[in-house]
Amino acid sequence: MRQGWIVALASVMLVMLVTAVPPASASQSSVLFLSTQLRPIEEAEKMRQSILAGYPGHVEFIPVEPVPFADRVLAETRAGRVMISLVGGVHGDFPALVNAGALQPADDVLSRLADRGFVPAYVELGKLGTPYQQYIPWMQATYIMVASREALKYLPPGANLDSLTYGQLKAWGENLLKATGRRLLGFPAGPKGLMHRFFQGYLYPSYVKSTVTHFRSQEAEAMWKEFTELWAYVNPQSTSYEFMQEPLLAGEVWVAWDHTARLINALRERPQDFVAFPAPIGPKGRGFMPVLTGLGIVKSAPNPEGAASVIEYLTRPDVQLAILREIGGFFPVIQVAMPADLPAGVKLAAEAVAKQSASPNAVPSLLPVGLGVRDGEFNRVFVDTFARIVLRREDVRRVLDQQAEKMRRIMAEAKAPCWPPDEPSTGACPVL
């Protein structure tokens, strides 16, 4: 009850804040750009000081967490006092805005960018199942593996980095432990790490080919038992890691999985010491999660033409490559030749991303879609399942059955239909 009052009070205060701000006082050449992407301070500053520096106008770039992002846009829309013109986010940030009618279709913007050569599948995703273009593809990223070259001599016999299996990854960790006395595999399982994405986009799709529907299946039970065995070779400090580039550079781990943006500094600083390669393969294939980001124009925006102009600028080939050079972990969504002078570390990552997405046994998975404010609870189900099974060694079947109940409630209350790799559903995605 108390939590409900707090949420209600926060909502009232948000609306009061929005309505208290006078209507667009900025000139019509100014564009207020709210984004869930490029939130780390270093990335945000590069966006403002370098990438947007060539835009012939003023852009106020404001990175925010996903929940305030949707709440702020919806609050401004409901209050009829819209200040934001342009929004940027991952695919899963947009359904709540589209369902609320808070976005202006961008078909005319897309038609003016016909020469960009956007990836067709990404353009289709940008429609979000509607007849209209809801967002324009902006950047793409994903999660890959990086290893120290020192670790390569301990690969199990017959193992190839481009076709590594989870069983071989475990054997690799075991070899490293025997040779060095250290647990040298690493994952970002810290409080702000992205370990939940590993379970949602990599482990579950590779073993179960499902994230939601078959969450508690026998295949999932076997998967958790195998991953618990693998964890015996993972550096125990992993539960504090948030960006794997630091422990890689420090030599605390020799083999790591993480988001490209959270690995790129290791590849940039010492490309001669590291290799990058696709995520491992499981019984159902190579699960991986392409992270597509997009740009949308808010309905009743104070400067829709300015927003369209910023979209045109950010999707230019030279600006897409500038994003890759400056940020490093985000790759172009258009057809563009990689320049020969691309930094060696960025090239390593780009090649691993290309191999992973082109894998013949790929099982691509989208970020969670349609959960809105329940997104954090959904992620919590995976993190808590991991903690109970792998770290506390609780009974796998009992934990999966209990956590499945939580997931079933979240899906029902959010009314979120299934997204890949689960089969499409009519209504809330079922948890069997």
Protein backbone atom coordinates (compact mmCIF):
# COMPACT_ATOMS: atom_id res chain seq x y z
CA MET A 1 0.00 0.00 0.00
CA ARG A 2 2.79 2.40 0.96
CA GLN A 3 4.61 1.67 -2.29
CA GLY A 4 1.41 2.41 -4.21
CA TRP A 5 1.11 5.82 -2.51
CA ILE A 6 4.72 6.56 -3.36
CA VAL A 7 4.22 5.69 -7.03
CA ALA A 8 1.04 7.75 -7.18
CA LEU A 9 2.74 10.72 -5.51
CA ALA A 10 5.68 10.45 -7.92
CA SER A 11 3.30 10.44 -10.88
CA VAL A 12 1.49 13.55 -9.60
CA MET A 13 4.80 15.33 -9.02
CA LEU A 14 5.95 14.39 -12.52
CA VAL A 15 2.82 15.84 -14.10
CA MET A 16 3.13 18.97 -11.93
CA LEU A 17 6.74 19.34 -13.02
CA VAL A 18 5.81 19.00 -16.68
CA THR A 19 2.88 21.40 -16.52
CA ALA A 20 4.89 23.89 -14.47
CA VAL A 21 7.45 24.29 -17.23
CA PRO A 22 6.50 26.96 -19.73
CA PRO A 23 5.93 25.90 -23.32
CA ALA A 24 8.92 25.62 -25.63
CA SER A 25 10.96 28.64 -24.75
CA ALA A 26 13.82 27.45 -26.89
CA SER A 27 14.01 28.74 -30.39
CA GLN A 28 12.47 26.63 -33.11
CA SER A 29 16.00 25.71 -34.25
CA SER A 30 16.64 23.94 -30.94
CA VAL A 31 15.85 20.24 -30.60
CA LEU A 32 15.35 18.59 -27.20
CA PHE A 33 16.60 15.03 -27.68
CA LEU A 34 15.72 12.51 -24.93
CA SER A 35 17.57 9.18 -25.16
CA THR A 36 17.94 5.96 -23.22
CA GLN A 37 21.19 5.37 -25.13
CA LEU A 38 24.70 6.75 -24.60
CA ARG A 39 23.95 7.28 -20.90
CA PRO A 40 27.46 6.80 -19.44
CA ILE A 41 29.05 10.20 -18.85
CA GLU A 42 31.91 9.56 -21.28
CA GLU A 43 29.56 8.46 -24.08
CA ALA A 44 27.16 11.36 -23.47
CA GLU A 45 29.99 13.88 -23.66
CA LYS A 46 31.27 12.35 -26.91
CA MET A 47 27.74 12.62 -28.29
CA ARG A 48 27.50 16.27 -27.35
CA GLN A 49 31.06 17.45 -28.00
CA SER A 50 32.04 15.36 -31.02
CA ILE A 51 29.23 13.55 -32.85
CA LEU A 52 26.67 16.39 -32.71
CA ALA A 53 29.35 19.06 -33.15
CA GLY A 54 28.91 18.98 -36.93
CA TYR A 55 25.14 19.44 -36.83
CA PRO A 56 24.17 22.94 -38.04
CA GLY A 57 21.83 23.70 -35.17
CA HIS A 58 21.39 23.34 -31.44
CA VAL A 59 20.57 19.94 -29.97
CA GLU A 60 20.03 19.47 -26.23
CA PHE A 61 20.96 15.82 -25.71
CA ILE A 62 19.53 14.36 -22.46
CA PRO A 63 20.29 10.68 -21.68
CA VAL A 64 17.95 9.06 -19.12
CA GLU A 65 17.09 5.65 -17.69
CA PRO A 66 14.31 3.72 -19.52
CA VAL A 67 11.57 4.23 -16.91
CA PRO A 68 11.83 8.05 -16.60
CA PHE A 69 12.17 8.12 -20.40
CA ALA A 70 8.70 6.71 -21.09
CA ASP A 71 7.12 8.44 -18.09
CA ARG A 72 8.39 11.85 -19.12
CA VAL A 73 7.27 11.56 -22.75
CA LEU A 74 3.84 10.26 -21.75
CA ALA A 75 3.41 12.88 -19.02
CA GLU A 76 4.19 15.70 -21.46
CA THR A 77 1.81 14.22 -24.03
CA ARG A 78 -1.07 13.83 -21.55
CA ALA A 79 -0.51 17.33 -20.21
CA GLY A 80 -0.52 18.78 -23.73
CA ARG A 81 2.75 20.59 -23.03
CA VAL A 82 5.30 18.73 -25.14
CA MET A 83 8.91 19.94 -24.83
CA ILE A 84 10.68 16.92 -26.31
CA SER A 85 10.99 16.75 -30.10
CA LEU A 86 13.24 13.72 -30.65
CA VAL A 87 13.52 10.44 -28.75
CA GLY A 88 16.16 7.74 -29.07
CA GLY A 89 16.04 4.27 -27.55
CA VAL A 90 16.27 0.56 -28.07
CA HIS A 91 13.45 -1.27 -29.84
CA GLY A 92 11.80 -2.19 -26.54
CA ASP A 93 11.56 1.46 -25.45
CA PHE A 94 9.12 2.32 -28.24
CA PRO A 95 6.00 0.10 -27.86
CA ALA A 96 4.76 1.99 -24.78
CA LEU A 97 5.01 5.27 -26.69
CA VAL A 98 3.36 3.86 -29.81
CA ASN A 99 0.52 2.27 -27.84
CA ALA A 100 -0.14 5.62 -26.15
CA GLY A 101 -0.15 7.47 -29.48
CA ALA A 102 2.81 9.57 -28.36
CA LEU A 103 4.86 9.24 -31.55
CA GLN A 104 4.42 10.87 -34.94
CA PRO A 105 4.78 8.39 -37.88
CA ALA A 106 8.10 8.90 -39.64
CA ASP A 107 7.31 7.51 -43.11
CA ASP A 108 8.04 10.84 -44.77
CA VAL A 109 11.42 11.01 -43.00
CA LEU A 110 12.28 7.49 -44.14
CA SER A 111 11.32 8.29 -47.74
CA ARG A 112 13.82 11.15 -47.72
CA LEU A 113 16.53 8.74 -46.57
CA ALA A 114 16.03 6.14 -49.31
CA ASP A 115 19.70 6.36 -50.31
CA ARG A 116 20.92 5.32 -46.86
CA GLY A 117 20.58 1.56 -47.45
CA PHE A 118 19.11 0.67 -44.09
CA VAL A 119 19.06 -3.03 -43.18
CA PRO A 120 15.54 -4.02 -44.39
CA ALA A 121 14.81 -6.17 -41.33
CA TYR A 122 15.60 -3.19 -39.09
CA VAL A 123 13.24 -0.92 -41.08
CA GLU A 124 10.48 -3.48 -40.62
CA LEU A 125 11.16 -3.69 -36.89
CA GLY A 126 10.82 0.10 -36.78
CA LYS A 127 7.14 -0.24 -37.72
CA LEU A 128 6.43 -2.19 -34.53
CA GLY A 129 3.73 -4.22 -36.24
CA THR A 130 1.84 -1.14 -37.47
CA PRO A 131 1.42 0.08 -41.07
CA TYR A 132 3.60 3.11 -40.28
CA GLN A 133 7.27 3.78 -39.61
CA GLN A 134 7.39 4.52 -35.89
CA TYR A 135 11.16 4.97 -35.59
CA ILE A 136 14.14 5.24 -37.92
CA PRO A 137 17.01 2.78 -37.25
CA TRP A 138 19.90 4.59 -35.55
CA MET A 139 22.64 2.28 -34.28
CA GLN A 140 23.08 -1.39 -33.54
CA ALA A 141 25.09 -3.20 -30.93
CA THR A 142 25.30 -6.65 -29.47
CA TYR A 143 27.23 -8.76 -27.00
CA ILE A 144 30.33 -10.77 -27.94
CA MET A 145 33.24 -12.60 -26.34
CA VAL A 146 36.77 -11.24 -25.84
CA ALA A 147 39.78 -13.26 -24.71
CA SER A 148 43.39 -12.55 -23.89
CA ARG A 149 45.75 -14.10 -26.42
CA GLU A 150 47.45 -15.72 -23.41
CA ALA A 151 44.36 -17.89 -22.99
CA LEU A 152 44.37 -19.30 -26.52
CA LYS A 153 46.95 -22.00 -25.83
CA TYR A 154 44.58 -23.50 -23.24
CA LEU A 155 41.67 -24.00 -25.65
CA PRO A 156 40.44 -27.63 -25.53
CA PRO A 157 41.56 -29.84 -28.45
CA GLY A 158 39.52 -29.26 -31.61
CA ALA A 159 37.95 -26.04 -30.34
CA ASN A 160 37.60 -23.11 -32.74
CA LEU A 161 36.75 -19.62 -31.46
CA ASP A 162 34.23 -19.07 -34.25
CA SER A 163 32.33 -22.27 -33.43
CA LEU A 164 32.97 -22.61 -29.70
CA THR A 165 30.30 -24.48 -27.72
CA TYR A 166 29.31 -23.86 -24.11
CA GLY A 167 30.78 -27.26 -23.27
CA GLN A 168 34.10 -26.19 -24.77
CA LEU A 169 33.93 -22.88 -22.89
CA LYS A 170 33.63 -24.84 -19.65
CA ALA A 171 36.57 -27.09 -20.65
CA TRP A 172 38.56 -23.95 -21.51
CA GLY A 173 37.92 -22.53 -18.05
CA GLU A 174 38.91 -25.83 -16.47
CA ASN A 175 42.19 -25.86 -18.46
CA LEU A 176 42.92 -22.29 -17.36
CA LEU A 177 42.31 -23.19 -13.72
CA LYS A 178 44.63 -26.21 -13.92
CA ALA A 179 47.37 -24.19 -15.65
CA THR A 180 47.25 -21.01 -13.57
CA GLY A 181 45.41 -21.90 -10.37
CA ARG A 182 42.97 -19.08 -11.15
CA ARG A 183 39.35 -18.91 -12.25
CA LEU A 184 39.76 -16.80 -15.40
CA LEU A 185 36.35 -16.79 -17.09
CA GLY A 186 34.36 -13.61 -16.41
CA PHE A 187 30.80 -12.27 -16.65
CA PRO A 188 29.29 -8.84 -15.76
CA ALA A 189 27.15 -10.06 -12.86
CA GLY A 190 27.60 -6.91 -10.73
CA PRO A 191 24.70 -4.67 -9.62
CA LYS A 192 24.76 -2.64 -12.86
CA GLY A 193 26.16 -5.37 -15.09
CA LEU A 194 24.20 -6.80 -18.01
CA MET A 195 24.12 -10.42 -16.86
CA HIS A 196 20.33 -10.58 -17.33
CA ARG A 197 20.85 -10.02 -21.05
CA PHE A 198 23.17 -13.05 -21.13
CA PHE A 199 20.37 -15.25 -19.82
CA GLN A 200 17.64 -13.66 -21.97
CA GLY A 201 19.52 -13.41 -25.26
CA TYR A 202 22.27 -16.02 -25.11
CA LEU A 203 21.93 -18.92 -22.67
CA TYR A 204 18.16 -19.52 -22.85
CA PRO A 205 17.94 -19.20 -26.68
CA SER A 206 21.02 -21.44 -27.10
CA TYR A 207 19.61 -24.22 -24.90
CA VAL A 208 15.83 -23.72 -25.02
CA LYS A 209 15.13 -21.49 -28.08
CA SER A 210 12.78 -19.57 -25.82
CA THR A 211 13.03 -16.87 -23.19
CA VAL A 212 9.53 -16.83 -21.70
CA THR A 213 7.27 -19.66 -22.82
CA HIS A 214 9.65 -22.48 -21.90
CA PHE A 215 11.34 -20.72 -18.98
CA ARG A 216 10.76 -23.68 -16.63
CA SER A 217 11.13 -26.50 -19.20
CA GLN A 218 13.26 -29.62 -18.81
CA GLU A 219 15.72 -28.09 -21.28
CA ALA A 220 15.97 -25.04 -19.01
CA GLU A 221 16.55 -27.27 -15.99
CA ALA A 222 19.42 -29.03 -17.80
CA MET A 223 20.80 -25.66 -18.92
CA TRP A 224 20.98 -24.26 -15.39
CA LYS A 225 22.71 -27.41 -14.15
CA GLU A 226 25.36 -27.12 -16.88
CA PHE A 227 25.84 -23.40 -16.27
CA THR A 228 26.31 -24.07 -12.56
CA GLU A 229 29.15 -26.46 -13.49
CA LEU A 230 30.67 -23.79 -15.77
CA TRP A 231 30.50 -21.21 -12.97
CA ALA A 232 33.11 -23.23 -11.06
CA TYR A 233 35.66 -21.73 -13.47
CA VAL A 234 34.34 -18.14 -13.33
CA ASN A 235 36.20 -15.51 -11.30
CA PRO A 236 34.10 -15.06 -8.12
CA GLN A 237 34.63 -11.30 -8.44
CA SER A 238 32.24 -11.48 -11.39
CA THR A 239 29.38 -10.68 -9.02
CA SER A 240 30.92 -7.21 -8.71
CA TYR A 241 31.86 -6.66 -12.37
CA GLU A 242 29.81 -4.19 -14.42
CA PHE A 243 32.06 -3.48 -17.44
CA MET A 244 34.26 -6.46 -18.43
CA GLN A 245 36.88 -4.29 -20.16
CA GLU A 246 38.42 -3.37 -16.80
CA PRO A 247 39.01 -6.92 -15.47
CA LEU A 248 40.29 -7.93 -18.92
CA LEU A 249 42.81 -5.08 -18.97
CA ALA A 250 43.81 -5.84 -15.37
CA GLY A 251 44.31 -9.55 -16.17
CA GLU A 252 41.74 -10.58 -13.56
CA VAL A 253 39.91 -12.56 -16.24
CA TRP A 254 41.20 -13.88 -19.55
CA VAL A 255 37.89 -14.77 -21.25
CA ALA A 256 34.79 -12.58 -20.95
CA TRP A 257 31.30 -11.95 -22.35
CA ASP A 258 29.73 -8.48 -22.40
CA HIS A 259 28.16 -5.71 -24.48
CA THR A 260 30.46 -4.43 -27.24
CA ALA A 261 30.35 -0.95 -25.71
CA ARG A 262 31.61 -2.40 -22.40
CA LEU A 263 34.47 -4.33 -24.04
CA ILE A 264 35.67 -1.81 -26.57
CA ASN A 265 38.21 -0.01 -24.38
CA ALA A 266 40.17 -3.24 -23.88
CA LEU A 267 40.22 -3.80 -27.65
CA ARG A 268 41.08 -0.17 -28.35
CA GLU A 269 43.88 0.11 -25.81
CA ARG A 270 45.59 -3.24 -26.46
CA PRO A 271 44.35 -4.80 -29.71
CA GLN A 272 47.56 -6.82 -29.92
CA ASP A 273 46.74 -8.57 -26.63
CA PHE A 274 43.10 -9.58 -27.24
CA VAL A 275 40.86 -11.43 -29.69
CA ALA A 276 37.12 -10.96 -30.20
CA PHE A 277 34.78 -13.75 -31.27
CA PRO A 278 31.09 -14.74 -31.37
CA ALA A 279 29.12 -16.04 -28.40
CA PRO A 280 29.20 -19.84 -27.83
CA ILE A 281 26.79 -22.34 -29.34
CA GLY A 282 24.32 -24.49 -27.37
CA PRO A 283 22.08 -27.47 -28.23
CA LYS A 284 19.56 -25.22 -30.06
CA GLY A 285 22.09 -23.02 -31.85
CA ARG A 286 23.95 -19.77 -31.26
CA GLY A 287 21.68 -17.51 -29.25
CA PHE A 288 22.55 -13.84 -29.57
CA MET A 289 20.82 -10.51 -29.02
CA PRO A 290 21.13 -7.77 -31.65
CA VAL A 291 20.43 -4.49 -29.89
CA LEU A 292 18.71 -2.17 -32.37
CA THR A 293 18.26 1.47 -31.45
CA GLY A 294 16.00 3.95 -33.21
CA LEU A 295 15.01 7.60 -33.45
CA GLY A 296 11.40 8.79 -33.23
CA ILE A 297 9.57 12.10 -33.39
CA VAL A 298 7.18 12.95 -30.57
CA LYS A 299 3.61 13.83 -31.57
CA SER A 300 2.94 17.56 -31.14
CA ALA A 301 6.69 18.13 -30.83
CA PRO A 302 7.68 21.82 -30.74
CA ASN A 303 10.23 21.26 -33.51
CA PRO A 304 9.36 18.21 -35.67
CA GLU A 305 11.31 19.50 -38.66
CA GLY A 306 14.37 19.97 -36.45
CA ALA A 307 13.94 16.41 -35.17
CA ALA A 308 13.76 15.10 -38.74
CA SER A 309 16.87 17.11 -39.58
CA VAL A 310 18.78 15.54 -36.66
CA ILE A 311 17.68 12.07 -37.85
CA GLU A 312 18.96 12.87 -41.33
CA TYR A 313 22.28 13.97 -39.81
CA LEU A 314 22.75 10.99 -37.48
CA THR A 315 22.12 8.48 -40.29
CA ARG A 316 24.66 9.97 -42.69
CA PRO A 317 27.45 7.46 -43.54
CA ASP A 318 30.22 9.68 -42.16
CA VAL A 319 28.29 10.28 -38.92
CA GLN A 320 27.50 6.56 -38.53
CA LEU A 321 31.24 5.87 -38.84
CA ALA A 322 31.97 8.72 -36.42
CA ILE A 323 29.71 7.03 -33.86
CA LEU A 324 31.62 3.79 -34.39
CA ARG A 325 34.97 5.56 -33.99
CA GLU A 326 34.00 7.69 -31.01
CA ILE A 327 31.76 5.32 -29.04
CA GLY A 328 33.12 2.08 -30.46
CA GLY A 329 30.41 -0.32 -29.30
CA PHE A 330 27.65 0.83 -31.66
CA PHE A 331 27.76 -0.18 -35.31
CA PRO A 332 26.13 1.35 -38.45
CA VAL A 333 22.59 0.37 -39.46
CA ILE A 334 23.19 1.40 -43.07
CA GLN A 335 25.29 -0.01 -45.88
CA VAL A 336 28.71 1.60 -45.48
CA ALA A 337 32.21 0.37 -46.29
CA MET A 338 34.50 0.10 -43.30
CA PRO A 339 37.46 2.44 -43.81
CA ALA A 340 40.97 1.01 -43.91
CA ASP A 341 42.09 3.33 -41.14
CA LEU A 342 39.52 2.00 -38.66
CA PRO A 343 41.23 1.49 -35.28
CA ALA A 344 42.44 -2.09 -34.88
CA GLY A 345 40.36 -2.73 -31.77
CA VAL A 346 37.17 -1.47 -33.37
CA LYS A 347 37.89 -3.68 -36.39
CA LEU A 348 38.24 -6.72 -34.10
CA ALA A 349 34.83 -6.04 -32.61
CA ALA A 350 33.21 -5.33 -35.99
CA GLU A 351 34.47 -8.64 -37.39
CA ALA A 352 33.17 -10.59 -34.38
CA VAL A 353 29.76 -8.91 -34.67
CA ALA A 354 29.60 -9.77 -38.39
CA LYS A 355 30.52 -13.43 -37.78
CA GLN A 356 27.97 -13.74 -34.99
CA SER A 357 25.05 -12.24 -36.95
CA ALA A 358 25.93 -14.30 -40.07
CA SER A 359 26.14 -17.59 -38.17
CA PRO A 360 24.10 -20.28 -39.98
CA ASN A 361 22.78 -21.63 -36.68
CA ALA A 362 21.97 -18.20 -35.22
CA VAL A 363 19.02 -17.84 -32.83
CA PRO A 364 18.50 -14.05 -32.69
CA SER A 365 16.54 -12.69 -29.75
CA LEU A 366 15.05 -9.25 -29.31
CA LEU A 367 15.28 -7.21 -26.15
CA PRO A 368 12.09 -7.57 -24.08
CA VAL A 369 9.17 -5.85 -25.80
CA GLY A 370 5.96 -4.40 -24.39
CA LEU A 371 6.77 -4.68 -20.68
CA GLY A 372 6.88 -0.93 -20.04
CA VAL A 373 7.49 -0.21 -16.37
CA ARG A 374 7.57 -3.99 -15.64
CA ASP A 375 10.86 -4.34 -17.53
CA GLY A 376 12.92 -4.17 -14.34
CA GLU A 377 10.81 -6.88 -12.67
CA PHE A 378 11.25 -9.10 -15.72
CA ASN A 379 15.03 -8.70 -15.58
CA ARG A 380 14.92 -9.42 -11.84
CA VAL A 381 13.37 -12.85 -12.48
CA PHE A 382 16.51 -13.93 -14.38
CA VAL A 383 18.97 -12.36 -11.95
CA ASP A 384 17.23 -13.93 -8.94
CA THR A 385 17.01 -17.31 -10.67
CA PHE A 386 20.76 -17.15 -11.31
CA ALA A 387 21.53 -16.15 -7.72
CA ARG A 388 19.39 -18.92 -6.22
CA ILE A 389 20.49 -21.74 -8.53
CA VAL A 390 24.12 -20.93 -9.33
CA LEU A 391 25.33 -18.93 -6.32
CA ARG A 392 23.21 -20.44 -3.50
CA ARG A 393 22.85 -23.92 -5.06
CA GLU A 394 19.10 -24.19 -4.40
CA ASP A 395 17.08 -26.97 -6.05
CA VAL A 396 16.77 -26.13 -9.76
CA ARG A 397 13.24 -27.48 -10.30
CA ARG A 398 11.80 -25.71 -7.25
CA VAL A 399 13.42 -22.38 -8.18
CA LEU A 400 12.23 -22.54 -11.80
CA ASP A 401 8.66 -23.34 -10.75
CA GLN A 402 8.60 -20.44 -8.27
CA GLN A 403 10.23 -17.94 -10.61
CA ALA A 404 7.93 -19.01 -13.45
CA GLU A 405 4.98 -17.91 -11.31
CA LYS A 406 6.49 -14.45 -11.01
CA MET A 407 7.14 -14.28 -14.73
CA ARG A 408 3.59 -15.45 -15.51
CA ARG A 409 2.19 -12.63 -13.35
CA ILE A 410 4.41 -10.02 -14.97
CA MET A 411 3.45 -11.09 -18.50
CA ALA A 412 -0.26 -11.19 -17.63
CA GLU A 413 -0.29 -7.77 -15.96
CA ALA A 414 1.80 -6.18 -18.73
CA LYS A 415 -0.29 -7.94 -21.39
CA ALA A 416 2.96 -8.32 -23.33
CA PRO A 417 2.83 -10.67 -26.33
CA CYS A 418 5.77 -12.96 -27.13
CA TRP A 419 8.83 -11.67 -28.94
CA PRO A 420 11.60 -13.70 -30.70
CA PRO A 421 12.87 -16.31 -30.08
CA ASP A 422 9.46 -17.30 -28.63
CA GLU A 423 6.66 -17.98 -31.08
CA PRO A 424 4.11 -15.15 -31.60
CA SER A 425 1.16 -15.18 -29.21
CA THR A 426 -2.31 -13.69 -29.16
CA GLY A 427 -2.45 -11.88 -25.85
CA ALA A 428 0.11 -12.15 -23.09
CA CYS A 429 3.06 -14.43 -23.78
CA PRO A 430 2.31 -17.72 -21.97
CA VAL A 431 4.69 -19.29 -19.44
CA LEU A 432 4.07 -23.04 -19.70
